[in-house]
Each structure stands twice: as C-alpha cells, then as structure tokens.
Amino acid sequence: MRRRLSIWDPLVYLVLLTYFLVVVYPMVWLLYTSLKTDKSIFLDPFELPEWGNLQWTNFANAWTKGNFGSYFGNSVIMTVATVLLTVLLSAMAAYALSRFQFRGARPLFFYFLAGLMIPLQLAIVPLFFQMRDMELLNSRFGLLTVYVAFGMPFSVFILTGFFKSLPTELYESALIDGAGEIKAFWTIMLPLARPGLITVAIFTFLGTWNEFFMAFMFLSGKGSEHLRTLPLGLANLTIVSQYRSDWGMAFAGLVLVMLPTLLVYAVLQKHLSKGITMGALKG
C-alpha cells in the first residue's frame, strides 16, 4: 500500500536536499580547487578548472616538496597503533565491567565515564608537565599514550553497553565445555562484539587521524620534525618555497587527508550505525 503524500513532504525533501548540498559541495569544491593554479584560485575561486589545465602536479608537490609522504606515514603509524590499543584495552575493560560482578565495578565504570566530562583544554597544562617529567615529550610513545588514554572513556562506554546486549548462552556453553574465561572471551564474546568493535575503531580512527591540538603540544619540540603527523604538516604546508604560499599544493594536501576518512566511513558505515544502536540499548 502506497503512503499518501503529506503537505510537509516537499519541505522535508527541501531540507534534506539543502543539507546534502551543504555537506557535499564543500568536498567537491575542495577536490576541483586542488587541481587549479594559485592565480585561478584567487581570481575564480568557484569556477571549475579547465580540463586541459588540470594541475595534477599539486599532489606530487604536496607529497614530495611539502614532505607530505613523511607526515602521511607518521599519521598511519599513530592511527593504527592507537586504534589497535584502544579497541583491545577498551574491549577487555568493558567485558569485565559488563560480565563480572565485583566490588567497585560500578564506581570503576563511572570513573571511565568521568573521562568524557573533562575538557581537553582543562587537562592539557598539567598533562604537559607530567609528560615532560616522564620524558615523553617529542616521542611517538608519549603521544600514543595520550591518545589511548583520551580514547578509552568513550570506547569503554560503548562496548560496555554492547557486551551487556549480547546473549550469554554461547558464553555459558563454552564454560561448560571446559573453556576458561580468557578463551571464552577471545573465541566467543569478542567475535560477537564485532559491530561494537568496528564502531569504536571508526570513531578512534576519525579522532586520531584528524587530531591537531595534542600533536601540536607534544610534538613541537626541537628535533621532532620527523615525527609530525598530517595535521601538523598541513599547518606548515601553506608556507613553502621561500615562504611563498602555494595554495594549490595546500588544497591537494587537504584532499589527501580527507580521502582516507571518506573511504573508511564508506566501507564501515553500516557497522557504525548498528554498533551505536546496540551499544545504546543497555549502556
């Protein structure tokens, strides 16, 4: 049976179309602007580039001249390590909080939640001095530790609700068959929590790949240039070649930063919505 059209339907479609244009057009504009010369960017910022004059060299210059290859590699290392550690540690913590009854379980869960309420700007000053005293400034390990620490509260919150929503029959069957707690966790419960793990991985990836503030605070010392991530590199990408701004190269760098994010979201977005929904049921 076909649904009757409402007088509000045209307005709803108009709002959705407007939202689509607001979200998509800036990305399209960024893409074709990265293929223009500096002159055309300033003279005709919204005009499409000429087909025979596409500046593909902007991407090559960003990768080599702008040292984008090194920044890209650093971001890949930091992001992959952060995602793996955050997902693993959060899954173990969330599993223990959701499946075992022990004294202090609930206060410990709220302790993790408290991490969501602390603004980064409020914690950055004491954290900087602590990292300095521990000699962890200007190092990948130090920045990785900070990323994992700030990523765990949200991850534990999502995964705790997700583990609570999983059926216990398979877990109990594994215990009856002689499997220990560790084996039951790795072979039964962790595979069942795959949508939740993917959800946490996506959010962790997005937050780490695009993160600038903490990387700027902890990787801005002398001699740490080779450790800088993409956001830090892009901050310097507009000042190259004897301090002359190369805007075409800068826009090309932005496109290369954006593409991994769009690719990851496009591939895993169905798991994202499923994981959030299930994790929120009993969170």
C-alpha atoms as a PDB file:
ATOM      1  CA  MET A   1       0.000   0.000   0.000  1.00  0.00           C
ATOM      2  CA  ARG A   2       1.438   3.323  -1.048  1.00  0.00           C
ATOM      3  CA  ARG A   3       1.835   6.016   1.558  1.00  0.00           C
ATOM      4  CA  ARG A   4      -0.146   9.175   0.959  1.00  0.00           C
ATOM      5  CA  LEU A   5       1.926  12.279   0.438  1.00  0.00           C
ATOM      6  CA  SER A   6       1.784  14.830   3.204  1.00  0.00           C
ATOM      7  CA  ILE A   7       1.822  18.589   2.738  1.00  0.00           C
ATOM      8  CA  TRP A   8       5.061  18.540   4.751  1.00  0.00           C
ATOM      9  CA  ASP A   9       6.881  16.148   2.396  1.00  0.00           C
ATOM     10  CA  PRO A  10       8.128  18.846  -0.016  1.00  0.00           C
ATOM     11  CA  LEU A  11       9.505  20.817   2.916  1.00  0.00           C
ATOM     12  CA  VAL A  12      11.227  17.729   4.321  1.00  0.00           C
ATOM     13  CA  TYR A  13      12.789  16.926   0.938  1.00  0.00           C
ATOM     14  CA  LEU A  14      13.910  20.535   0.567  1.00  0.00           C
ATOM     15  CA  VAL A  15      15.612  20.466   3.959  1.00  0.00           C
ATOM     16  CA  LEU A  16      17.322  17.155   3.153  1.00  0.00           C
ATOM     17  CA  LEU A  17      18.469  18.453  -0.232  1.00  0.00           C
ATOM     18  CA  THR A  18      19.813  21.618   1.363  1.00  0.00           C
ATOM     19  CA  TYR A  19      21.678  19.595   3.956  1.00  0.00           C
ATOM     20  CA  PHE A  20      23.094  17.368   1.219  1.00  0.00           C
ATOM     21  CA  LEU A  21      24.390  20.371  -0.703  1.00  0.00           C
ATOM     22  CA  VAL A  22      25.847  21.960   2.414  1.00  0.00           C
ATOM     23  CA  VAL A  23      27.751  18.763   3.256  1.00  0.00           C
ATOM     24  CA  VAL A  24      28.757  17.557  -0.213  1.00  0.00           C
ATOM     25  CA  TYR A  25      29.503  20.777  -2.099  1.00  0.00           C
ATOM     26  CA  PRO A  26      32.468  21.855   0.105  1.00  0.00           C
ATOM     27  CA  MET A  27      34.123  18.488  -0.560  1.00  0.00           C
ATOM     28  CA  VAL A  28      33.515  18.784  -4.310  1.00  0.00           C
ATOM     29  CA  TRP A  29      34.800  22.351  -4.261  1.00  0.00           C
ATOM     30  CA  LEU A  30      37.911  21.240  -2.360  1.00  0.00           C
ATOM     31  CA  LEU A  31      38.536  18.499  -4.916  1.00  0.00           C
ATOM     32  CA  TYR A  32      38.416  20.639  -8.035  1.00  0.00           C
ATOM     33  CA  THR A  33      40.208  23.552  -6.335  1.00  0.00           C
ATOM     34  CA  SER A  34      43.164  21.262  -5.674  1.00  0.00           C
ATOM     35  CA  LEU A  35      43.560  20.962  -9.464  1.00  0.00           C
ATOM     36  CA  LYS A  36      43.796  24.717 -10.091  1.00  0.00           C
ATOM     37  CA  THR A  37      46.664  27.184 -10.158  1.00  0.00           C
ATOM     38  CA  ASP A  38      47.127  29.788  -7.435  1.00  0.00           C
ATOM     39  CA  LYS A  39      46.045  32.512  -9.852  1.00  0.00           C
ATOM     40  CA  SER A  40      42.762  30.825 -10.766  1.00  0.00           C
ATOM     41  CA  ILE A  41      42.067  30.021  -7.118  1.00  0.00           C
ATOM     42  CA  PHE A  42      42.106  33.717  -6.246  1.00  0.00           C
ATOM     43  CA  LEU A  43      40.555  35.125  -9.422  1.00  0.00           C
ATOM     44  CA  ASP A  44      37.835  32.472  -9.931  1.00  0.00           C
ATOM     45  CA  PRO A  45      37.514  30.558  -6.638  1.00  0.00           C
ATOM     46  CA  PHE A  46      34.211  28.847  -7.544  1.00  0.00           C
ATOM     47  CA  GLU A  47      34.802  28.259 -11.244  1.00  0.00           C
ATOM     48  CA  LEU A  48      35.646  24.763 -12.461  1.00  0.00           C
ATOM     49  CA  PRO A  49      39.221  24.313 -13.712  1.00  0.00           C
ATOM     50  CA  GLU A  50      39.886  23.999 -17.421  1.00  0.00           C
ATOM     51  CA  TRP A  51      40.026  20.351 -18.472  1.00  0.00           C
ATOM     52  CA  GLY A  52      43.287  20.825 -20.349  1.00  0.00           C
ATOM     53  CA  ASN A  53      44.919  22.721 -17.493  1.00  0.00           C
ATOM     54  CA  LEU A  54      44.416  20.419 -14.514  1.00  0.00           C
ATOM     55  CA  GLN A  55      47.267  20.834 -12.038  1.00  0.00           C
ATOM     56  CA  TRP A  56      47.996  17.228 -11.077  1.00  0.00           C
ATOM     57  CA  THR A  57      51.454  18.407 -10.045  1.00  0.00           C
ATOM     58  CA  ASN A  58      49.862  19.903  -6.927  1.00  0.00           C
ATOM     59  CA  PHE A  59      49.518  16.393  -5.499  1.00  0.00           C
ATOM     60  CA  ALA A  60      53.074  15.448  -6.433  1.00  0.00           C
ATOM     61  CA  ASN A  61      54.400  18.648  -4.864  1.00  0.00           C
ATOM     62  CA  ALA A  62      52.401  18.070  -1.691  1.00  0.00           C
ATOM     63  CA  TRP A  63      53.789  14.539  -1.375  1.00  0.00           C
ATOM     64  CA  THR A  64      57.435  15.408  -2.019  1.00  0.00           C
ATOM     65  CA  LYS A  65      58.042  19.141  -1.766  1.00  0.00           C
ATOM     66  CA  GLY A  66      55.687  19.545   1.180  1.00  0.00           C
ATOM     67  CA  ASN A  67      57.105  16.427   2.883  1.00  0.00           C
ATOM     68  CA  PHE A  68      53.592  15.017   2.829  1.00  0.00           C
ATOM     69  CA  GLY A  69      54.845  11.446   2.415  1.00  0.00           C
ATOM     70  CA  SER A  70      56.617  11.560   5.778  1.00  0.00           C
ATOM     71  CA  TYR A  71      53.647  13.156   7.527  1.00  0.00           C
ATOM     72  CA  PHE A  72      51.301  10.609   5.992  1.00  0.00           C
ATOM     73  CA  GLY A  73      53.440   7.721   7.211  1.00  0.00           C
ATOM     74  CA  ASN A  74      53.588   9.157  10.731  1.00  0.00           C
ATOM     75  CA  SER A  75      49.805   9.539  10.816  1.00  0.00           C
ATOM     76  CA  VAL A  76      49.317   5.970   9.624  1.00  0.00           C
ATOM     77  CA  ILE A  77      51.615   4.634  12.349  1.00  0.00           C
ATOM     78  CA  MET A  78      49.984   6.682  15.103  1.00  0.00           C
ATOM     79  CA  THR A  79      46.431   5.987  13.948  1.00  0.00           C
ATOM     80  CA  VAL A  80      46.851   2.232  13.503  1.00  0.00           C
ATOM     81  CA  ALA A  81      48.626   1.852  16.853  1.00  0.00           C
ATOM     82  CA  THR A  82      46.022   3.996  18.636  1.00  0.00           C
ATOM     83  CA  VAL A  83      43.082   2.126  17.118  1.00  0.00           C
ATOM     84  CA  LEU A  84      44.509  -1.309  17.947  1.00  0.00           C
ATOM     85  CA  LEU A  85      45.447  -0.454  21.535  1.00  0.00           C
ATOM     86  CA  THR A  86      42.259   1.481  22.271  1.00  0.00           C
ATOM     87  CA  VAL A  87      39.994  -1.241  20.908  1.00  0.00           C
ATOM     88  CA  LEU A  88      41.880  -4.033  22.665  1.00  0.00           C
ATOM     89  CA  LEU A  89      42.150  -2.379  26.088  1.00  0.00           C
ATOM     90  CA  SER A  90      38.615  -0.997  25.963  1.00  0.00           C
ATOM     91  CA  ALA A  91      37.182  -4.373  24.979  1.00  0.00           C
ATOM     92  CA  MET A  92      38.861  -6.118  27.905  1.00  0.00           C
ATOM     93  CA  ALA A  93      37.811  -3.424  30.367  1.00  0.00           C
ATOM     94  CA  ALA A  94      34.240  -3.280  29.059  1.00  0.00           C
ATOM     95  CA  TYR A  95      33.917  -7.073  29.123  1.00  0.00           C
ATOM     96  CA  ALA A  96      34.994  -7.228  32.758  1.00  0.00           C
ATOM     97  CA  LEU A  97      32.662  -4.383  33.757  1.00  0.00           C
ATOM     98  CA  SER A  98      29.663  -5.853  31.943  1.00  0.00           C
ATOM     99  CA  ARG A  99      30.044  -9.573  32.725  1.00  0.00           C
ATOM    100  CA  PHE A 100      31.544  -9.821  36.198  1.00  0.00           C
ATOM    101  CA  GLN A 101      30.036  -8.728  39.469  1.00  0.00           C
ATOM    102  CA  PHE A 102      32.752  -7.469  41.787  1.00  0.00           C
ATOM    103  CA  ARG A 103      33.110  -4.796  44.401  1.00  0.00           C
ATOM    104  CA  GLY A 104      33.857  -1.460  42.822  1.00  0.00           C
ATOM    105  CA  ALA A 105      32.646  -2.385  39.333  1.00  0.00           C
ATOM    106  CA  ARG A 106      30.079   0.388  39.166  1.00  0.00           C
ATOM    107  CA  PRO A 107      32.398   3.117  40.579  1.00  0.00           C
ATOM    108  CA  LEU A 108      35.044   1.987  38.101  1.00  0.00           C
ATOM    109  CA  PHE A 109      32.577   2.317  35.234  1.00  0.00           C
ATOM    110  CA  PHE A 110      31.682   5.843  36.342  1.00  0.00           C
ATOM    111  CA  TYR A 111      35.384   6.577  36.670  1.00  0.00           C
ATOM    112  CA  PHE A 112      35.748   5.850  32.963  1.00  0.00           C
ATOM    113  CA  LEU A 113      32.689   7.986  32.215  1.00  0.00           C
ATOM    114  CA  ALA A 114      34.258  10.865  34.137  1.00  0.00           C
ATOM    115  CA  GLY A 115      36.896  10.990  31.449  1.00  0.00           C
ATOM    116  CA  LEU A 116      34.216  12.103  28.990  1.00  0.00           C
ATOM    117  CA  MET A 117      33.443  15.130  31.156  1.00  0.00           C
ATOM    118  CA  ILE A 118      36.972  16.542  31.359  1.00  0.00           C
ATOM    119  CA  PRO A 119      37.656  19.125  28.627  1.00  0.00           C
ATOM    120  CA  LEU A 120      40.948  18.575  26.890  1.00  0.00           C
ATOM    121  CA  GLN A 121      41.881  22.244  27.282  1.00  0.00           C
ATOM    122  CA  LEU A 122      41.487  21.913  31.057  1.00  0.00           C
ATOM    123  CA  ALA A 123      43.782  18.890  31.292  1.00  0.00           C
ATOM    124  CA  ILE A 124      46.434  19.890  28.781  1.00  0.00           C
ATOM    125  CA  VAL A 125      48.601  22.040  31.107  1.00  0.00           C
ATOM    126  CA  PRO A 126      49.093  19.520  33.948  1.00  0.00           C
ATOM    127  CA  LEU A 127      49.341  16.761  31.356  1.00  0.00           C
ATOM    128  CA  PHE A 128      52.123  18.620  29.548  1.00  0.00           C
ATOM    129  CA  PHE A 129      54.203  18.975  32.728  1.00  0.00           C
ATOM    130  CA  GLN A 130      53.577  15.334  33.617  1.00  0.00           C
ATOM    131  CA  MET A 131      54.717  14.229  30.169  1.00  0.00           C
ATOM    132  CA  ARG A 132      57.776  16.449  30.472  1.00  0.00           C
ATOM    133  CA  ASP A 133      58.713  14.996  33.856  1.00  0.00           C
ATOM    134  CA  MET A 134      58.323  11.477  32.437  1.00  0.00           C
ATOM    135  CA  GLU A 135      60.486  12.447  29.412  1.00  0.00           C
ATOM    136  CA  LEU A 136      57.711  11.510  26.993  1.00  0.00           C
ATOM    137  CA  LEU A 137      57.572  14.753  25.040  1.00  0.00           C
ATOM    138  CA  ASN A 138      58.538  14.648  21.362  1.00  0.00           C
ATOM    139  CA  SER A 139      58.077  10.896  21.118  1.00  0.00           C
ATOM    140  CA  ARG A 140      55.605   8.616  19.397  1.00  0.00           C
ATOM    141  CA  PHE A 141      55.108   6.562  22.535  1.00  0.00           C
ATOM    142  CA  GLY A 142      54.179   9.614  24.594  1.00  0.00           C
ATOM    143  CA  LEU A 143      51.614  10.838  22.068  1.00  0.00           C
ATOM    144  CA  LEU A 144      50.267   7.298  21.679  1.00  0.00           C
ATOM    145  CA  THR A 145      49.770   7.033  25.434  1.00  0.00           C
ATOM    146  CA  VAL A 146      47.780  10.271  25.480  1.00  0.00           C
ATOM    147  CA  TYR A 147      45.639   9.228  22.518  1.00  0.00           C
ATOM    148  CA  VAL A 148      44.766   5.877  24.090  1.00  0.00           C
ATOM    149  CA  ALA A 149      44.023   7.441  27.483  1.00  0.00           C
ATOM    150  CA  PHE A 150      41.636  10.002  25.998  1.00  0.00           C
ATOM    151  CA  GLY A 151      40.036   7.460  23.676  1.00  0.00           C
ATOM    152  CA  MET A 152      39.233   4.811  26.272  1.00  0.00           C
ATOM    153  CA  PRO A 153      36.362   6.512  28.189  1.00  0.00           C
ATOM    154  CA  PHE A 154      34.092   6.723  25.157  1.00  0.00           C
ATOM    155  CA  SER A 155      35.170   3.291  23.925  1.00  0.00           C
ATOM    156  CA  VAL A 156      34.519   1.624  27.285  1.00  0.00           C
ATOM    157  CA  PHE A 157      31.100   3.311  27.466  1.00  0.00           C
ATOM    158  CA  ILE A 158      30.070   2.000  24.028  1.00  0.00           C
ATOM    159  CA  LEU A 159      31.482  -1.512  24.470  1.00  0.00           C
ATOM    160  CA  THR A 160      30.101  -1.992  27.988  1.00  0.00           C
ATOM    161  CA  GLY A 161      26.575  -1.484  26.719  1.00  0.00           C
ATOM    162  CA  PHE A 162      27.324  -3.663  23.727  1.00  0.00           C
ATOM    163  CA  PHE A 163      28.633  -6.599  25.779  1.00  0.00           C
ATOM    164  CA  LYS A 164      25.562  -6.357  28.023  1.00  0.00           C
ATOM    165  CA  SER A 165      23.327  -6.741  24.975  1.00  0.00           C
ATOM    166  CA  LEU A 166      24.988  -9.992  23.834  1.00  0.00           C
ATOM    167  CA  PRO A 167      23.338 -13.329  24.677  1.00  0.00           C
ATOM    168  CA  THR A 168      25.031 -15.376  27.372  1.00  0.00           C
ATOM    169  CA  GLU A 169      24.059 -18.828  26.115  1.00  0.00           C
ATOM    170  CA  LEU A 170      27.153 -19.308  23.923  1.00  0.00           C
ATOM    171  CA  TYR A 171      29.392 -17.999  26.693  1.00  0.00           C
ATOM    172  CA  GLU A 172      27.894 -20.397  29.219  1.00  0.00           C
ATOM    173  CA  SER A 173      28.157 -23.288  26.755  1.00  0.00           C
ATOM    174  CA  ALA A 174      31.845 -22.562  26.278  1.00  0.00           C
ATOM    175  CA  LEU A 175      32.413 -22.632  30.030  1.00  0.00           C
ATOM    176  CA  ILE A 176      30.534 -25.933  30.328  1.00  0.00           C
ATOM    177  CA  ASP A 177      32.716 -27.390  27.556  1.00  0.00           C
ATOM    178  CA  GLY A 178      35.809 -26.553  29.574  1.00  0.00           C
ATOM    179  CA  ALA A 179      36.888 -23.219  28.131  1.00  0.00           C
ATOM    180  CA  GLY A 180      38.357 -20.741  30.573  1.00  0.00           C
ATOM    181  CA  GLU A 181      37.363 -17.102  30.890  1.00  0.00           C
ATOM    182  CA  ILE A 182      40.176 -15.913  28.656  1.00  0.00           C
ATOM    183  CA  LYS A 183      39.427 -18.439  25.912  1.00  0.00           C
ATOM    184  CA  ALA A 184      35.700 -17.706  26.098  1.00  0.00           C
ATOM    185  CA  PHE A 185      36.435 -14.005  25.736  1.00  0.00           C
ATOM    186  CA  TRP A 186      38.716 -14.373  22.712  1.00  0.00           C
ATOM    187  CA  THR A 187      36.830 -17.101  20.850  1.00  0.00           C
ATOM    188  CA  ILE A 188      33.187 -16.419  21.715  1.00  0.00           C
ATOM    189  CA  MET A 189      32.423 -12.967  23.079  1.00  0.00           C
ATOM    190  CA  LEU A 190      34.919 -10.878  21.119  1.00  0.00           C
ATOM    191  CA  PRO A 191      33.756 -12.119  17.683  1.00  0.00           C
ATOM    192  CA  LEU A 192      30.139 -11.498  18.726  1.00  0.00           C
ATOM    193  CA  ALA A 193      31.053  -7.919  19.599  1.00  0.00           C
ATOM    194  CA  ARG A 194      32.410  -7.219  16.123  1.00  0.00           C
ATOM    195  CA  PRO A 195      29.914  -4.412  15.267  1.00  0.00           C
ATOM    196  CA  GLY A 196      30.733  -2.633  18.518  1.00  0.00           C
ATOM    197  CA  LEU A 197      34.457  -3.038  17.972  1.00  0.00           C
ATOM    198  CA  ILE A 198      34.151  -1.610  14.459  1.00  0.00           C
ATOM    199  CA  THR A 199      32.156   1.334  15.810  1.00  0.00           C
ATOM    200  CA  VAL A 200      34.853   2.121  18.360  1.00  0.00           C
ATOM    201  CA  ALA A 201      37.560   1.665  15.725  1.00  0.00           C
ATOM    202  CA  ILE A 202      35.854   4.137  13.362  1.00  0.00           C
ATOM    203  CA  PHE A 203      35.477   6.839  15.993  1.00  0.00           C
ATOM    204  CA  THR A 204      39.025   6.294  17.210  1.00  0.00           C
ATOM    205  CA  PHE A 205      40.337   6.466  13.655  1.00  0.00           C
ATOM    206  CA  LEU A 206      38.495   9.717  12.910  1.00  0.00           C
ATOM    207  CA  GLY A 207      39.593  11.328  16.150  1.00  0.00           C
ATOM    208  CA  THR A 208      43.241  10.326  15.771  1.00  0.00           C
ATOM    209  CA  TRP A 209      43.653  10.917  12.034  1.00  0.00           C
ATOM    210  CA  ASN A 210      42.366  14.491  12.257  1.00  0.00           C
ATOM    211  CA  GLU A 211      43.756  15.374  15.693  1.00  0.00           C
ATOM    212  CA  PHE A 212      45.885  18.533  15.844  1.00  0.00           C
ATOM    213  CA  PHE A 213      45.903  20.042  19.332  1.00  0.00           C
ATOM    214  CA  MET A 214      47.599  17.267  21.310  1.00  0.00           C
ATOM    215  CA  ALA A 215      50.016  16.512  18.478  1.00  0.00           C
ATOM    216  CA  PHE A 216      50.952  20.193  18.402  1.00  0.00           C
ATOM    217  CA  MET A 217      51.526  20.272  22.165  1.00  0.00           C
ATOM    218  CA  PHE A 218      53.596  17.101  22.391  1.00  0.00           C
ATOM    219  CA  LEU A 219      55.458  17.038  19.055  1.00  0.00           C
ATOM    220  CA  SER A 220      56.515  20.662  18.637  1.00  0.00           C
ATOM    221  CA  GLY A 221      59.912  20.467  20.289  1.00  0.00           C
ATOM    222  CA  LYS A 222      63.218  20.854  18.543  1.00  0.00           C
ATOM    223  CA  GLY A 223      64.239  17.751  16.636  1.00  0.00           C
ATOM    224  CA  SER A 224      60.737  16.302  16.413  1.00  0.00           C
ATOM    225  CA  GLU A 225      60.046  17.442  12.845  1.00  0.00           C
ATOM    226  CA  HIS A 226      60.377  13.890  11.529  1.00  0.00           C
ATOM    227  CA  LEU A 227      57.587  12.730  13.898  1.00  0.00           C
ATOM    228  CA  ARG A 228      54.951  15.252  12.874  1.00  0.00           C
ATOM    229  CA  THR A 229      51.569  13.963  11.770  1.00  0.00           C
ATOM    230  CA  LEU A 230      49.394  15.148   8.888  1.00  0.00           C
ATOM    231  CA  PRO A 231      47.551  17.955  10.724  1.00  0.00           C
ATOM    232  CA  LEU A 232      50.861  19.398  11.868  1.00  0.00           C
ATOM    233  CA  GLY A 233      52.286  19.022   8.389  1.00  0.00           C
ATOM    234  CA  LEU A 234      49.316  20.750   6.833  1.00  0.00           C
ATOM    235  CA  ALA A 235      49.826  23.678   9.181  1.00  0.00           C
ATOM    236  CA  ASN A 236      53.188  24.205   7.506  1.00  0.00           C
ATOM    237  CA  LEU A 237      52.108  23.215   4.022  1.00  0.00           C
ATOM    238  CA  THR A 238      50.962  26.706   3.054  1.00  0.00           C
ATOM    239  CA  ILE A 239      54.432  28.133   3.688  1.00  0.00           C
ATOM    240  CA  VAL A 240      56.911  26.528   1.328  1.00  0.00           C
ATOM    241  CA  SER A 241      59.391  27.510  -1.319  1.00  0.00           C
ATOM    242  CA  GLN A 242      60.982  30.534   0.366  1.00  0.00           C
ATOM    243  CA  TYR A 243      57.840  31.315   2.361  1.00  0.00           C
ATOM    244  CA  ARG A 244      55.623  31.718  -0.695  1.00  0.00           C
ATOM    245  CA  SER A 245      52.125  30.372  -0.143  1.00  0.00           C
ATOM    246  CA  ASP A 246      51.322  27.520  -2.514  1.00  0.00           C
ATOM    247  CA  TRP A 247      47.565  27.220  -2.201  1.00  0.00           C
ATOM    248  CA  GLY A 248      47.154  24.589  -4.892  1.00  0.00           C
ATOM    249  CA  MET A 249      49.523  22.315  -3.045  1.00  0.00           C
ATOM    250  CA  ALA A 250      47.741  23.058   0.252  1.00  0.00           C
ATOM    251  CA  PHE A 251      44.353  22.096  -1.193  1.00  0.00           C
ATOM    252  CA  ALA A 252      45.874  18.935  -2.660  1.00  0.00           C
ATOM    253  CA  GLY A 253      47.175  18.057   0.793  1.00  0.00           C
ATOM    254  CA  LEU A 254      43.723  18.575   2.271  1.00  0.00           C
ATOM    255  CA  VAL A 255      42.231  16.228  -0.321  1.00  0.00           C
ATOM    256  CA  LEU A 256      44.741  13.520   0.531  1.00  0.00           C
ATOM    257  CA  VAL A 257      43.909  13.929   4.212  1.00  0.00           C
ATOM    258  CA  MET A 258      40.184  13.711   3.523  1.00  0.00           C
ATOM    259  CA  LEU A 259      40.217  10.645   1.265  1.00  0.00           C
ATOM    260  CA  PRO A 260      41.181   8.013   3.908  1.00  0.00           C
ATOM    261  CA  THR A 261      38.444   9.324   6.204  1.00  0.00           C
ATOM    262  CA  LEU A 262      35.796   9.102   3.495  1.00  0.00           C
ATOM    263  CA  LEU A 263      36.996   5.650   2.449  1.00  0.00           C
ATOM    264  CA  VAL A 264      36.899   4.225   5.966  1.00  0.00           C
ATOM    265  CA  TYR A 265      33.461   5.670   6.638  1.00  0.00           C
ATOM    266  CA  ALA A 266      32.050   4.495   3.298  1.00  0.00           C
ATOM    267  CA  VAL A 267      33.244   0.929   3.865  1.00  0.00           C
ATOM    268  CA  LEU A 268      32.260   0.626   7.523  1.00  0.00           C
ATOM    269  CA  GLN A 269      29.292   2.978   7.937  1.00  0.00           C
ATOM    270  CA  LYS A 270      26.706   0.160   8.189  1.00  0.00           C
ATOM    271  CA  HIS A 271      28.615  -1.298  11.139  1.00  0.00           C
ATOM    272  CA  LEU A 272      28.776   2.159  12.698  1.00  0.00           C
ATOM    273  CA  SER A 273      25.023   2.659  12.913  1.00  0.00           C
ATOM    274  CA  LYS A 274      24.444  -0.922  14.073  1.00  0.00           C
ATOM    275  CA  GLY A 275      27.098  -0.711  16.770  1.00  0.00           C
ATOM    276  CA  ILE A 276      25.824   2.577  18.189  1.00  0.00           C
ATOM    277  CA  THR A 277      22.225   1.322  18.290  1.00  0.00           C
ATOM    278  CA  MET A 278      23.058  -1.932  20.052  1.00  0.00           C
ATOM    279  CA  GLY A 279      25.520  -0.293  22.410  1.00  0.00           C
ATOM    280  CA  ALA A 280      22.958   2.296  23.466  1.00  0.00           C
ATOM    281  CA  LEU A 281      20.285  -0.258  24.380  1.00  0.00           C
ATOM    282  CA  LYS A 282      21.859  -1.241  27.681  1.00  0.00           C
ATOM    283  CA  GLY A 283      24.613   1.333  28.057  1.00  0.00           C
END
